[in-house]
């Protein structure tokens, strides 16, 4: 466990985890409780690792991955609507996203570097900085996607909910397996899955699919998904590459598929770009690093005290003192 390492927080993921904990405790939304829980997690990590630099990475709403693959995370909207209909205590997502936008700005009261970069997700910010910064880094997230970053010797990953370090014996193997299987939560299929377009999408396209270039097809998919659910656009048949099959493919003991052949597939290359954090476009990496270097947060004693009082967070006053040694004095 690296003390005095830079702390890189997966800000959006932590915000959602705190949201679900809030809903378990308060049928009516209590966003001051969410603020308390969020800051408590950050301060715990500061106290544990004694870092002099805390970077919190947030998603920007327009990810470069959606331009590459319009189906990326497209099921989430549909799943959210379904859960809202089934739940007796649904989340008001419009209210949450409005709060999230305010909260990102509110965090600038604290001596943290807040990074939200046009076209980038929080994962991209973290992946880019792990690549560019060669000093010890601790990534704060319970997201399994960050196991791949353990290939960097200067990087560790800490789960803030379980309060423990995340380990992975072979990060490179883990990444290859992840690419083969895909990621259901992000709507990334396995590399052998097959897609069939619906009649509704074919009618929307206005011409035979075969006559469209890939660029034209992706544009139409984005436009369609802006109006409709993904289930209305296409269906996918799994290639049956699951956990055990992927293990056999990597070990070279699966007769049907060879890893070397699968790596030549366009679907493997697509999944690699979507999942492998070393594949972030160079221009975006440069933009992220430039924004990181530009930010020079300061300890604003008065602003912090006012903020805590305003949102009923005085119980954090004692915990805030953990920042005193590194960023100034309260």
C-alpha atoms as a PDB file:
ATOM      1  CA  UNK A   1       0.000   0.000   0.000  1.00  0.00           C
ATOM      2  CA  UNK A   2       1.660   3.186  -1.211  1.00  0.00           C
ATOM      3  CA  UNK A   3       1.545   6.083   1.257  1.00  0.00           C
ATOM      4  CA  UNK A   4       1.708   9.629  -0.107  1.00  0.00           C
ATOM      5  CA  UNK A   5       0.636   8.337  -3.536  1.00  0.00           C
ATOM      6  CA  UNK A   6      -1.582  10.461  -5.724  1.00  0.00           C
ATOM      7  CA  UNK A   7      -5.251   9.539  -5.207  1.00  0.00           C
ATOM      8  CA  UNK A   8      -7.327   9.142  -8.376  1.00  0.00           C
ATOM      9  CA  UNK A   9     -11.043   8.838  -7.614  1.00  0.00           C
ATOM     10  CA  UNK A  10     -13.593   7.378 -10.034  1.00  0.00           C
ATOM     11  CA  UNK A  11     -15.966  10.222  -9.191  1.00  0.00           C
ATOM     12  CA  UNK A  12     -19.013   9.228 -11.242  1.00  0.00           C
ATOM     13  CA  UNK A  13     -18.952   5.606 -10.082  1.00  0.00           C
ATOM     14  CA  UNK A  14     -18.655   6.662  -6.442  1.00  0.00           C
ATOM     15  CA  UNK A  15     -21.539   9.114  -6.886  1.00  0.00           C
ATOM     16  CA  UNK A  16     -23.821   6.343  -8.163  1.00  0.00           C
ATOM     17  CA  UNK A  17     -22.814   3.995  -5.354  1.00  0.00           C
ATOM     18  CA  UNK A  18     -23.638   6.702  -2.811  1.00  0.00           C
ATOM     19  CA  UNK A  19     -26.969   7.334  -4.582  1.00  0.00           C
ATOM     20  CA  UNK A  20     -28.086   3.719  -4.117  1.00  0.00           C
ATOM     21  CA  UNK A  21     -27.026   3.745  -0.450  1.00  0.00           C
ATOM     22  CA  UNK A  22     -29.007   6.964   0.017  1.00  0.00           C
ATOM     23  CA  UNK A  23     -32.127   5.361  -1.489  1.00  0.00           C
ATOM     24  CA  UNK A  24     -31.784   2.398   0.877  1.00  0.00           C
ATOM     25  CA  UNK A  25     -31.772   4.747   3.869  1.00  0.00           C
ATOM     26  CA  UNK A  26     -34.137   7.511   2.731  1.00  0.00           C
ATOM     27  CA  UNK A  27     -37.315   6.797   0.711  1.00  0.00           C
ATOM     28  CA  UNK A  28     -37.415  10.523  -0.001  1.00  0.00           C
ATOM     29  CA  UNK A  29     -34.155  11.731  -1.555  1.00  0.00           C
ATOM     30  CA  UNK A  30     -31.790  13.295   0.972  1.00  0.00           C
ATOM     31  CA  UNK A  31     -28.982  14.793  -1.061  1.00  0.00           C
ATOM     32  CA  UNK A  32     -27.212  16.198   1.986  1.00  0.00           C
ATOM     33  CA  UNK A  33     -26.826  12.599   3.169  1.00  0.00           C
ATOM     34  CA  UNK A  34     -25.366  11.757  -0.263  1.00  0.00           C
ATOM     35  CA  UNK A  35     -22.963  14.705   0.047  1.00  0.00           C
ATOM     36  CA  UNK A  36     -21.941  13.485   3.497  1.00  0.00           C
ATOM     37  CA  UNK A  37     -21.383   9.915   2.321  1.00  0.00           C
ATOM     38  CA  UNK A  38     -19.382  11.005  -0.727  1.00  0.00           C
ATOM     39  CA  UNK A  39     -17.082  13.352   1.165  1.00  0.00           C
ATOM     40  CA  UNK A  40     -16.700  10.813   3.963  1.00  0.00           C
ATOM     41  CA  UNK A  41     -15.331   8.298   1.444  1.00  0.00           C
ATOM     42  CA  UNK A  42     -12.879  10.839  -0.011  1.00  0.00           C
ATOM     43  CA  UNK A  43     -11.689  11.899   3.431  1.00  0.00           C
ATOM     44  CA  UNK A  44     -11.269   8.294   4.536  1.00  0.00           C
ATOM     45  CA  UNK A  45      -8.941   7.694   1.584  1.00  0.00           C
ATOM     46  CA  UNK A  46      -7.035  10.903   2.331  1.00  0.00           C
ATOM     47  CA  UNK A  47      -6.599   9.871   5.960  1.00  0.00           C
ATOM     48  CA  UNK A  48      -5.578   6.315   5.012  1.00  0.00           C
ATOM     49  CA  UNK A  49      -3.069   7.140   2.272  1.00  0.00           C
ATOM     50  CA  UNK A  50      -1.951  10.610   3.441  1.00  0.00           C
ATOM     51  CA  UNK A  51      -1.903  11.898  -0.118  1.00  0.00           C
ATOM     52  CA  UNK A  52      -0.921  15.439  -1.060  1.00  0.00           C
ATOM     53  CA  UNK A  53      -2.957  15.296  -4.256  1.00  0.00           C
ATOM     54  CA  UNK A  54      -6.559  14.147  -4.753  1.00  0.00           C
ATOM     55  CA  UNK A  55      -7.887  13.991  -8.320  1.00  0.00           C
ATOM     56  CA  UNK A  56     -11.596  13.274  -8.867  1.00  0.00           C
ATOM     57  CA  UNK A  57     -12.538  12.160 -12.379  1.00  0.00           C
ATOM     58  CA  UNK A  58     -16.082  12.585 -13.718  1.00  0.00           C
ATOM     59  CA  UNK A  59     -17.764  11.412 -16.917  1.00  0.00           C
ATOM     60  CA  UNK A  60     -18.520  13.908 -19.618  1.00  0.00           C
ATOM     61  CA  UNK A  61     -21.907  13.200 -21.179  1.00  0.00           C
ATOM     62  CA  UNK A  62     -20.544  12.800 -24.730  1.00  0.00           C
ATOM     63  CA  UNK A  63     -18.155   9.843 -24.756  1.00  0.00           C
ATOM     64  CA  UNK A  64     -15.878   9.245 -27.749  1.00  0.00           C
ATOM     65  CA  UNK A  65     -16.871   5.562 -27.525  1.00  0.00           C
ATOM     66  CA  UNK A  66     -20.427   6.331 -28.638  1.00  0.00           C
ATOM     67  CA  UNK A  67     -19.080   7.777 -31.865  1.00  0.00           C
ATOM     68  CA  UNK A  68     -17.102   4.580 -32.431  1.00  0.00           C
ATOM     69  CA  UNK A  69     -19.905   2.248 -31.284  1.00  0.00           C
ATOM     70  CA  UNK A  70     -23.384   3.823 -30.931  1.00  0.00           C
ATOM     71  CA  UNK A  71     -24.689   0.802 -28.964  1.00  0.00           C
ATOM     72  CA  UNK A  72     -22.241   1.565 -26.146  1.00  0.00           C
ATOM     73  CA  UNK A  73     -24.216   1.730 -22.856  1.00  0.00           C
ATOM     74  CA  UNK A  74     -27.406   2.046 -24.936  1.00  0.00           C
ATOM     75  CA  UNK A  75     -29.352  -0.474 -22.811  1.00  0.00           C
ATOM     76  CA  UNK A  76     -29.060   1.638 -19.682  1.00  0.00           C
ATOM     77  CA  UNK A  77     -31.821   4.068 -20.658  1.00  0.00           C
ATOM     78  CA  UNK A  78     -34.224   1.183 -21.331  1.00  0.00           C
ATOM     79  CA  UNK A  79     -33.269  -0.647 -18.130  1.00  0.00           C
ATOM     80  CA  UNK A  80     -33.719   2.543 -16.111  1.00  0.00           C
ATOM     81  CA  UNK A  81     -37.231   3.098 -17.479  1.00  0.00           C
ATOM     82  CA  UNK A  82     -38.137  -0.532 -16.721  1.00  0.00           C
ATOM     83  CA  UNK A  83     -36.868  -0.320 -13.134  1.00  0.00           C
ATOM     84  CA  UNK A  84     -38.753   2.927 -12.554  1.00  0.00           C
ATOM     85  CA  UNK A  85     -41.996   1.243 -13.595  1.00  0.00           C
ATOM     86  CA  UNK A  86     -41.375  -1.788 -11.355  1.00  0.00           C
ATOM     87  CA  UNK A  87     -40.077   0.053  -8.284  1.00  0.00           C
ATOM     88  CA  UNK A  88     -42.301   1.328  -5.472  1.00  0.00           C
ATOM     89  CA  UNK A  89     -39.600   3.895  -4.687  1.00  0.00           C
ATOM     90  CA  UNK A  90     -38.036   4.856  -8.038  1.00  0.00           C
ATOM     91  CA  UNK A  91     -35.069   7.176  -8.438  1.00  0.00           C
ATOM     92  CA  UNK A  92     -35.891  10.555  -9.939  1.00  0.00           C
ATOM     93  CA  UNK A  93     -33.055  10.524 -12.479  1.00  0.00           C
ATOM     94  CA  UNK A  94     -33.665  14.047 -13.757  1.00  0.00           C
ATOM     95  CA  UNK A  95     -33.355  15.317 -10.201  1.00  0.00           C
ATOM     96  CA  UNK A  96     -30.226  13.219  -9.617  1.00  0.00           C
ATOM     97  CA  UNK A  97     -28.449  14.425 -12.761  1.00  0.00           C
ATOM     98  CA  UNK A  98     -29.327  18.011 -11.904  1.00  0.00           C
ATOM     99  CA  UNK A  99     -27.811  17.444  -8.454  1.00  0.00           C
ATOM    100  CA  UNK A 100     -24.729  15.727  -9.954  1.00  0.00           C
ATOM    101  CA  UNK A 101     -23.986  18.756 -12.151  1.00  0.00           C
ATOM    102  CA  UNK A 102     -24.192  21.071  -9.120  1.00  0.00           C
ATOM    103  CA  UNK A 103     -22.163  18.744  -6.930  1.00  0.00           C
ATOM    104  CA  UNK A 104     -19.226  18.598  -9.363  1.00  0.00           C
ATOM    105  CA  UNK A 105     -19.038  22.403  -9.074  1.00  0.00           C
ATOM    106  CA  UNK A 106     -19.467  22.287  -5.287  1.00  0.00           C
ATOM    107  CA  UNK A 107     -16.427  20.027  -4.926  1.00  0.00           C
ATOM    108  CA  UNK A 108     -14.267  22.913  -6.124  1.00  0.00           C
ATOM    109  CA  UNK A 109     -14.669  24.364  -2.625  1.00  0.00           C
ATOM    110  CA  UNK A 110     -12.193  21.697  -1.556  1.00  0.00           C
ATOM    111  CA  UNK A 111      -8.501  21.373  -2.446  1.00  0.00           C
ATOM    112  CA  UNK A 112      -9.179  18.638  -4.998  1.00  0.00           C
ATOM    113  CA  UNK A 113      -8.427  18.554  -8.710  1.00  0.00           C
ATOM    114  CA  UNK A 114     -11.794  18.049 -10.434  1.00  0.00           C
ATOM    115  CA  UNK A 115     -11.431  16.711 -13.963  1.00  0.00           C
ATOM    116  CA  UNK A 116     -14.333  16.482 -16.402  1.00  0.00           C
ATOM    117  CA  UNK A 117     -13.095  16.565 -19.993  1.00  0.00           C
ATOM    118  CA  UNK A 118     -15.224  16.923 -23.127  1.00  0.00           C
ATOM    119  CA  UNK A 119     -15.509  13.534 -24.875  1.00  0.00           C
ATOM    120  CA  UNK A 120     -13.984  11.581 -21.988  1.00  0.00           C
ATOM    121  CA  UNK A 121     -15.404   9.301 -19.327  1.00  0.00           C
ATOM    122  CA  UNK A 122     -13.966   9.165 -15.835  1.00  0.00           C
ATOM    123  CA  UNK A 123     -12.291   5.882 -16.847  1.00  0.00           C
ATOM    124  CA  UNK A 124     -10.442   7.736 -19.617  1.00  0.00           C
ATOM    125  CA  UNK A 125      -9.216  10.425 -17.228  1.00  0.00           C
ATOM    126  CA  UNK A 126      -7.909   7.772 -14.837  1.00  0.00           C
ATOM    127  CA  UNK A 127      -6.401   5.621 -17.608  1.00  0.00           C
ATOM    128  CA  UNK A 128      -4.687   8.614 -19.229  1.00  0.00           C
ATOM    129  CA  UNK A 129      -3.187   9.894 -15.973  1.00  0.00           C
ATOM    130  CA  UNK A 130      -1.955   6.416 -14.973  1.00  0.00           C
ATOM    131  CA  UNK A 131      -0.151   6.321 -18.308  1.00  0.00           C
ATOM    132  CA  UNK A 132       1.279   9.862 -18.153  1.00  0.00           C
ATOM    133  CA  UNK A 133       2.149  10.114 -14.443  1.00  0.00           C
ATOM    134  CA  UNK A 134       4.929   7.750 -13.470  1.00  0.00           C
ATOM    135  CA  UNK A 135       4.700   8.381  -9.721  1.00  0.00           C
ATOM    136  CA  UNK A 136       2.737   6.147  -7.280  1.00  0.00           C
ATOM    137  CA  UNK A 137      -1.026   6.277  -7.851  1.00  0.00           C
ATOM    138  CA  UNK A 138      -3.940   4.730  -5.971  1.00  0.00           C
ATOM    139  CA  UNK A 139      -7.150   4.460  -8.007  1.00  0.00           C
ATOM    140  CA  UNK A 140     -10.246   4.659  -5.800  1.00  0.00           C
ATOM    141  CA  UNK A 141     -13.024   2.564  -7.339  1.00  0.00           C
ATOM    142  CA  UNK A 142     -14.895  -0.708  -6.964  1.00  0.00           C
ATOM    143  CA  UNK A 143     -15.198  -0.972 -10.770  1.00  0.00           C
ATOM    144  CA  UNK A 144     -13.552  -4.186 -12.007  1.00  0.00           C
ATOM    145  CA  UNK A 145     -12.473  -2.450 -15.252  1.00  0.00           C
ATOM    146  CA  UNK A 146      -9.524  -0.877 -13.430  1.00  0.00           C
ATOM    147  CA  UNK A 147      -7.876  -4.243 -12.766  1.00  0.00           C
ATOM    148  CA  UNK A 148      -6.187  -3.806 -16.153  1.00  0.00           C
ATOM    149  CA  UNK A 149      -4.286  -0.783 -14.771  1.00  0.00           C
ATOM    150  CA  UNK A 150      -2.438  -3.068 -12.374  1.00  0.00           C
ATOM    151  CA  UNK A 151      -0.105  -3.831 -15.294  1.00  0.00           C
ATOM    152  CA  UNK A 152       1.541  -0.524 -14.322  1.00  0.00           C
ATOM    153  CA  UNK A 153       3.863  -1.146 -11.382  1.00  0.00           C
ATOM    154  CA  UNK A 154       3.216   2.311  -9.937  1.00  0.00           C
ATOM    155  CA  UNK A 155      -0.588   1.789  -9.773  1.00  0.00           C
ATOM    156  CA  UNK A 156      -2.778   0.197  -7.098  1.00  0.00           C
ATOM    157  CA  UNK A 157      -6.579   0.010  -6.916  1.00  0.00           C
ATOM    158  CA  UNK A 158      -8.582   0.466  -3.698  1.00  0.00           C
ATOM    159  CA  UNK A 159     -12.262  -0.428  -3.247  1.00  0.00           C
ATOM    160  CA  UNK A 160     -13.780   2.382  -1.093  1.00  0.00           C
ATOM    161  CA  UNK A 161     -16.893   0.358  -0.233  1.00  0.00           C
ATOM    162  CA  UNK A 162     -15.109  -2.807   0.924  1.00  0.00           C
ATOM    163  CA  UNK A 163     -12.175  -0.777   2.285  1.00  0.00           C
ATOM    164  CA  UNK A 164      -9.608  -3.099   0.726  1.00  0.00           C
ATOM    165  CA  UNK A 165      -7.068  -3.224  -2.094  1.00  0.00           C
ATOM    166  CA  UNK A 166      -8.088  -4.975  -5.314  1.00  0.00           C
ATOM    167  CA  UNK A 167      -5.648  -7.555  -6.639  1.00  0.00           C
ATOM    168  CA  UNK A 168      -5.218  -9.269 -10.010  1.00  0.00           C
ATOM    169  CA  UNK A 169      -2.467 -11.825 -10.564  1.00  0.00           C
ATOM    170  CA  UNK A 170      -2.261 -11.336 -14.342  1.00  0.00           C
ATOM    171  CA  UNK A 171      -3.714  -7.967 -15.513  1.00  0.00           C
ATOM    172  CA  UNK A 172      -2.833  -8.578 -19.179  1.00  0.00           C
ATOM    173  CA  UNK A 173      -4.679 -11.903 -19.199  1.00  0.00           C
ATOM    174  CA  UNK A 174      -7.611 -10.277 -17.406  1.00  0.00           C
ATOM    175  CA  UNK A 175      -7.798  -7.615 -20.141  1.00  0.00           C
ATOM    176  CA  UNK A 176      -7.767 -10.149 -22.996  1.00  0.00           C
ATOM    177  CA  UNK A 177     -10.515 -12.158 -21.295  1.00  0.00           C
ATOM    178  CA  UNK A 178     -12.571  -8.998 -20.801  1.00  0.00           C
ATOM    179  CA  UNK A 179     -12.219  -8.166 -24.509  1.00  0.00           C
ATOM    180  CA  UNK A 180     -13.279 -11.676 -25.564  1.00  0.00           C
ATOM    181  CA  UNK A 181     -16.350 -11.775 -23.298  1.00  0.00           C
ATOM    182  CA  UNK A 182     -17.361  -8.136 -23.680  1.00  0.00           C
ATOM    183  CA  UNK A 183     -19.146  -6.199 -20.954  1.00  0.00           C
ATOM    184  CA  UNK A 184     -22.903  -6.596 -20.447  1.00  0.00           C
ATOM    185  CA  UNK A 185     -23.169  -3.544 -18.195  1.00  0.00           C
ATOM    186  CA  UNK A 186     -21.763  -1.371 -21.014  1.00  0.00           C
ATOM    187  CA  UNK A 187     -23.633  -3.308 -23.740  1.00  0.00           C
ATOM    188  CA  UNK A 188     -20.403  -4.556 -25.318  1.00  0.00           C
ATOM    189  CA  UNK A 189     -21.031  -8.020 -26.837  1.00  0.00           C
ATOM    190  CA  UNK A 190     -18.636 -10.942 -27.018  1.00  0.00           C
ATOM    191  CA  UNK A 191     -16.432 -11.020 -30.101  1.00  0.00           C
ATOM    192  CA  UNK A 192     -18.445 -13.767 -31.856  1.00  0.00           C
ATOM    193  CA  UNK A 193     -21.939 -12.336 -31.361  1.00  0.00           C
ATOM    194  CA  UNK A 194     -24.107 -11.578 -34.402  1.00  0.00           C
ATOM    195  CA  UNK A 195     -26.396  -8.581 -34.893  1.00  0.00           C
ATOM    196  CA  UNK A 196     -29.685  -8.535 -36.790  1.00  0.00           C
ATOM    197  CA  UNK A 197     -31.336  -5.190 -37.574  1.00  0.00           C
ATOM    198  CA  UNK A 198     -35.070  -4.761 -36.984  1.00  0.00           C
ATOM    199  CA  UNK A 199     -37.619  -3.839 -39.647  1.00  0.00           C
ATOM    200  CA  UNK A 200     -38.135  -0.556 -37.827  1.00  0.00           C
ATOM    201  CA  UNK A 201     -34.453   0.385 -38.165  1.00  0.00           C
ATOM    202  CA  UNK A 202     -34.290  -0.712 -41.820  1.00  0.00           C
ATOM    203  CA  UNK A 203     -37.256   1.536 -42.550  1.00  0.00           C
ATOM    204  CA  UNK A 204     -35.595   4.358 -40.572  1.00  0.00           C
ATOM    205  CA  UNK A 205     -32.389   3.917 -42.620  1.00  0.00           C
ATOM    206  CA  UNK A 206     -34.302   4.495 -45.857  1.00  0.00           C
ATOM    207  CA  UNK A 207     -32.001   2.306 -47.958  1.00  0.00           C
ATOM    208  CA  UNK A 208     -30.545  -1.239 -47.795  1.00  0.00           C
ATOM    209  CA  UNK A 209     -28.047  -1.653 -44.940  1.00  0.00           C
ATOM    210  CA  UNK A 210     -25.493  -3.194 -47.313  1.00  0.00           C
ATOM    211  CA  UNK A 211     -25.373   0.033 -49.349  1.00  0.00           C
ATOM    212  CA  UNK A 212     -24.385   2.142 -46.325  1.00  0.00           C
ATOM    213  CA  UNK A 213     -20.783   2.901 -45.393  1.00  0.00           C
ATOM    214  CA  UNK A 214     -19.740   2.210 -41.782  1.00  0.00           C
ATOM    215  CA  UNK A 215     -19.661   5.940 -41.118  1.00  0.00           C
ATOM    216  CA  UNK A 216     -23.211   6.388 -42.470  1.00  0.00           C
ATOM    217  CA  UNK A 217     -24.453   3.362 -40.511  1.00  0.00           C
ATOM    218  CA  UNK A 218     -23.008   4.595 -37.200  1.00  0.00           C
ATOM    219  CA  UNK A 219     -24.572   8.016 -37.768  1.00  0.00           C
ATOM    220  CA  UNK A 220     -27.983   6.439 -38.397  1.00  0.00           C
ATOM    221  CA  UNK A 221     -27.623   4.240 -35.310  1.00  0.00           C
ATOM    222  CA  UNK A 222     -26.849   7.268 -33.147  1.00  0.00           C
ATOM    223  CA  UNK A 223     -29.874   9.130 -34.537  1.00  0.00           C
ATOM    224  CA  UNK A 224     -32.149   6.112 -34.043  1.00  0.00           C
ATOM    225  CA  UNK A 225     -30.979   5.494 -30.472  1.00  0.00           C
ATOM    226  CA  UNK A 226     -31.586   9.125 -29.626  1.00  0.00           C
ATOM    227  CA  UNK A 227     -35.291   8.555 -30.348  1.00  0.00           C
ATOM    228  CA  UNK A 228     -35.870   4.889 -29.549  1.00  0.00           C
ATOM    229  CA  UNK A 229     -34.650   2.015 -27.356  1.00  0.00           C
ATOM    230  CA  UNK A 230     -31.905  -0.325 -28.548  1.00  0.00           C
ATOM    231  CA  UNK A 231     -34.285  -3.297 -28.387  1.00  0.00           C
ATOM    232  CA  UNK A 232     -36.204  -1.574 -31.192  1.00  0.00           C
ATOM    233  CA  UNK A 233     -33.060  -1.296 -33.332  1.00  0.00           C
ATOM    234  CA  UNK A 234     -31.565  -4.773 -33.343  1.00  0.00           C
ATOM    235  CA  UNK A 235     -31.181  -8.146 -31.675  1.00  0.00           C
ATOM    236  CA  UNK A 236     -27.934  -9.927 -30.891  1.00  0.00           C
ATOM    237  CA  UNK A 237     -27.180 -13.618 -30.786  1.00  0.00           C
ATOM    238  CA  UNK A 238     -24.363 -14.424 -28.381  1.00  0.00           C
ATOM    239  CA  UNK A 239     -21.294 -16.203 -29.711  1.00  0.00           C
ATOM    240  CA  UNK A 240     -21.325 -18.250 -26.508  1.00  0.00           C
ATOM    241  CA  UNK A 241     -17.973 -16.954 -25.305  1.00  0.00           C
ATOM    242  CA  UNK A 242     -18.434 -16.966 -21.564  1.00  0.00           C
ATOM    243  CA  UNK A 243     -16.065 -17.086 -18.632  1.00  0.00           C
ATOM    244  CA  UNK A 244     -14.951 -20.725 -18.950  1.00  0.00           C
ATOM    245  CA  UNK A 245     -14.741 -20.641 -22.750  1.00  0.00           C
ATOM    246  CA  UNK A 246     -12.559 -17.524 -22.635  1.00  0.00           C
ATOM    247  CA  UNK A 247     -10.217 -19.263 -20.178  1.00  0.00           C
ATOM    248  CA  UNK A 248      -9.846 -22.192 -22.586  1.00  0.00           C
ATOM    249  CA  UNK A 249      -9.277 -19.889 -25.574  1.00  0.00           C
ATOM    250  CA  UNK A 250      -6.500 -18.030 -23.741  1.00  0.00           C
ATOM    251  CA  UNK A 251      -4.960 -21.331 -22.603  1.00  0.00           C
ATOM    252  CA  UNK A 252      -5.078 -22.641 -26.192  1.00  0.00           C
ATOM    253  CA  UNK A 253      -7.204 -25.677 -25.296  1.00  0.00           C
ATOM    254  CA  UNK A 254     -10.443 -24.665 -27.056  1.00  0.00           C
ATOM    255  CA  UNK A 255     -10.675 -26.355 -30.462  1.00  0.00           C
ATOM    256  CA  UNK A 256     -13.396 -24.158 -32.007  1.00  0.00           C
ATOM    257  CA  UNK A 257     -11.632 -20.779 -31.662  1.00  0.00           C
ATOM    258  CA  UNK A 258      -7.960 -19.814 -31.597  1.00  0.00           C
ATOM    259  CA  UNK A 259      -6.979 -16.580 -29.855  1.00  0.00           C
ATOM    260  CA  UNK A 260      -4.702 -15.544 -32.743  1.00  0.00           C
ATOM    261  CA  UNK A 261      -7.645 -15.835 -35.180  1.00  0.00           C
ATOM    262  CA  UNK A 262     -10.061 -13.988 -32.886  1.00  0.00           C
ATOM    263  CA  UNK A 263      -7.616 -11.091 -32.521  1.00  0.00           C
ATOM    264  CA  UNK A 264      -7.894 -10.487 -36.279  1.00  0.00           C
ATOM    265  CA  UNK A 265     -11.662 -10.010 -36.108  1.00  0.00           C
ATOM    266  CA  UNK A 266     -13.064  -6.482 -36.391  1.00  0.00           C
ATOM    267  CA  UNK A 267     -15.218  -7.272 -33.346  1.00  0.00           C
ATOM    268  CA  UNK A 268     -12.093  -8.024 -31.271  1.00  0.00           C
ATOM    269  CA  UNK A 269     -10.514  -4.756 -32.403  1.00  0.00           C
ATOM    270  CA  UNK A 270     -13.783  -2.925 -31.575  1.00  0.00           C
ATOM    271  CA  UNK A 271     -13.919  -4.425 -28.066  1.00  0.00           C
ATOM    272  CA  UNK A 272     -10.260  -3.652 -27.569  1.00  0.00           C
ATOM    273  CA  UNK A 273     -10.846   0.042 -28.320  1.00  0.00           C
ATOM    274  CA  UNK A 274     -13.897   0.136 -26.058  1.00  0.00           C
ATOM    275  CA  UNK A 275     -12.336  -1.698 -23.091  1.00  0.00           C
ATOM    276  CA  UNK A 276      -8.540  -1.290 -23.169  1.00  0.00           C
ATOM    277  CA  UNK A 277      -7.662   1.990 -21.420  1.00  0.00           C
ATOM    278  CA  UNK A 278      -4.367   2.170 -23.323  1.00  0.00           C
ATOM    279  CA  UNK A 279      -6.389   2.687 -26.532  1.00  0.00           C
ATOM    280  CA  UNK A 280      -7.730   6.117 -25.554  1.00  0.00           C
ATOM    281  CA  UNK A 281      -7.136   8.507 -28.500  1.00  0.00           C
ATOM    282  CA  UNK A 282      -3.813  10.357 -28.156  1.00  0.00           C
ATOM    283  CA  UNK A 283      -5.446  13.759 -28.631  1.00  0.00           C
ATOM    284  CA  UNK A 284      -7.819  13.059 -25.744  1.00  0.00           C
ATOM    285  CA  UNK A 285      -4.968  11.853 -23.522  1.00  0.00           C
ATOM    286  CA  UNK A 286      -3.164  15.127 -24.236  1.00  0.00           C
ATOM    287  CA  UNK A 287      -6.281  17.170 -23.425  1.00  0.00           C
ATOM    288  CA  UNK A 288      -6.776  15.302 -20.128  1.00  0.00           C
ATOM    289  CA  UNK A 289      -3.150  15.727 -19.059  1.00  0.00           C
ATOM    290  CA  UNK A 290      -3.128  19.434 -19.981  1.00  0.00           C
ATOM    291  CA  UNK A 291      -6.240  20.048 -17.862  1.00  0.00           C
ATOM    292  CA  UNK A 292      -4.689  18.118 -14.974  1.00  0.00           C
ATOM    293  CA  UNK A 293      -1.488  20.192 -15.099  1.00  0.00           C
ATOM    294  CA  UNK A 294      -3.425  23.456 -15.347  1.00  0.00           C
ATOM    295  CA  UNK A 295      -5.450  22.950 -12.156  1.00  0.00           C
ATOM    296  CA  UNK A 296      -3.849  24.288  -8.990  1.00  0.00           C
ATOM    297  CA  UNK A 297      -6.492  23.982  -6.236  1.00  0.00           C
ATOM    298  CA  UNK A 298      -5.990  25.809  -2.968  1.00  0.00           C
ATOM    299  CA  UNK A 299      -7.250  25.238   0.569  1.00  0.00           C
ATOM    300  CA  UNK A 300     -10.124  27.705   1.105  1.00  0.00           C
ATOM    301  CA  UNK A 301     -10.872  27.565   4.811  1.00  0.00           C
ATOM    302  CA  UNK A 302     -13.809  29.971   4.813  1.00  0.00           C
ATOM    303  CA  UNK A 303     -15.438  28.431   1.730  1.00  0.00           C
ATOM    304  CA  UNK A 304     -15.271  24.928   3.265  1.00  0.00           C
ATOM    305  CA  UNK A 305     -16.814  26.047   6.573  1.00  0.00           C
ATOM    306  CA  UNK A 306     -19.641  27.895   4.787  1.00  0.00           C
ATOM    307  CA  UNK A 307     -20.293  24.885   2.538  1.00  0.00           C
ATOM    308  CA  UNK A 308     -20.490  22.453   5.472  1.00  0.00           C
ATOM    309  CA  UNK A 309     -22.904  24.707   7.355  1.00  0.00           C
ATOM    310  CA  UNK A 310     -25.067  25.357   4.313  1.00  0.00           C
ATOM    311  CA  UNK A 311     -25.642  21.647   3.684  1.00  0.00           C
ATOM    312  CA  UNK A 312     -25.870  20.439   7.283  1.00  0.00           C
ATOM    313  CA  UNK A 313     -22.510  18.670   7.126  1.00  0.00           C
ATOM    314  CA  UNK A 314     -21.033  19.942  10.383  1.00  0.00           C
ATOM    315  CA  UNK A 315     -20.347  16.365  11.484  1.00  0.00           C
ATOM    316  CA  UNK A 316     -17.646  16.320   8.811  1.00  0.00           C
ATOM    317  CA  UNK A 317     -15.887  19.307  10.376  1.00  0.00           C
ATOM    318  CA  UNK A 318     -13.712  17.003  12.459  1.00  0.00           C
ATOM    319  CA  UNK A 319     -12.933  14.764   9.478  1.00  0.00           C
ATOM    320  CA  UNK A 320     -12.089  17.761   7.297  1.00  0.00           C
ATOM    321  CA  UNK A 321      -9.131  18.397   9.598  1.00  0.00           C
ATOM    322  CA  UNK A 322      -7.404  15.478   7.912  1.00  0.00           C
ATOM    323  CA  UNK A 323      -6.721  17.938   5.069  1.00  0.00           C
ATOM    324  CA  UNK A 324      -5.110  20.446   7.416  1.00  0.00           C
ATOM    325  CA  UNK A 325      -1.658  18.889   7.450  1.00  0.00           C
ATOM    326  CA  UNK A 326      -1.390  18.723   3.681  1.00  0.00           C
ATOM    327  CA  UNK A 327      -3.370  21.656   2.299  1.00  0.00           C
ATOM    328  CA  UNK A 328      -3.488  24.312   5.027  1.00  0.00           C
ATOM    329  CA  UNK A 329      -5.097  24.924   8.388  1.00  0.00           C
ATOM    330  CA  UNK A 330      -8.630  25.158   9.617  1.00  0.00           C
END
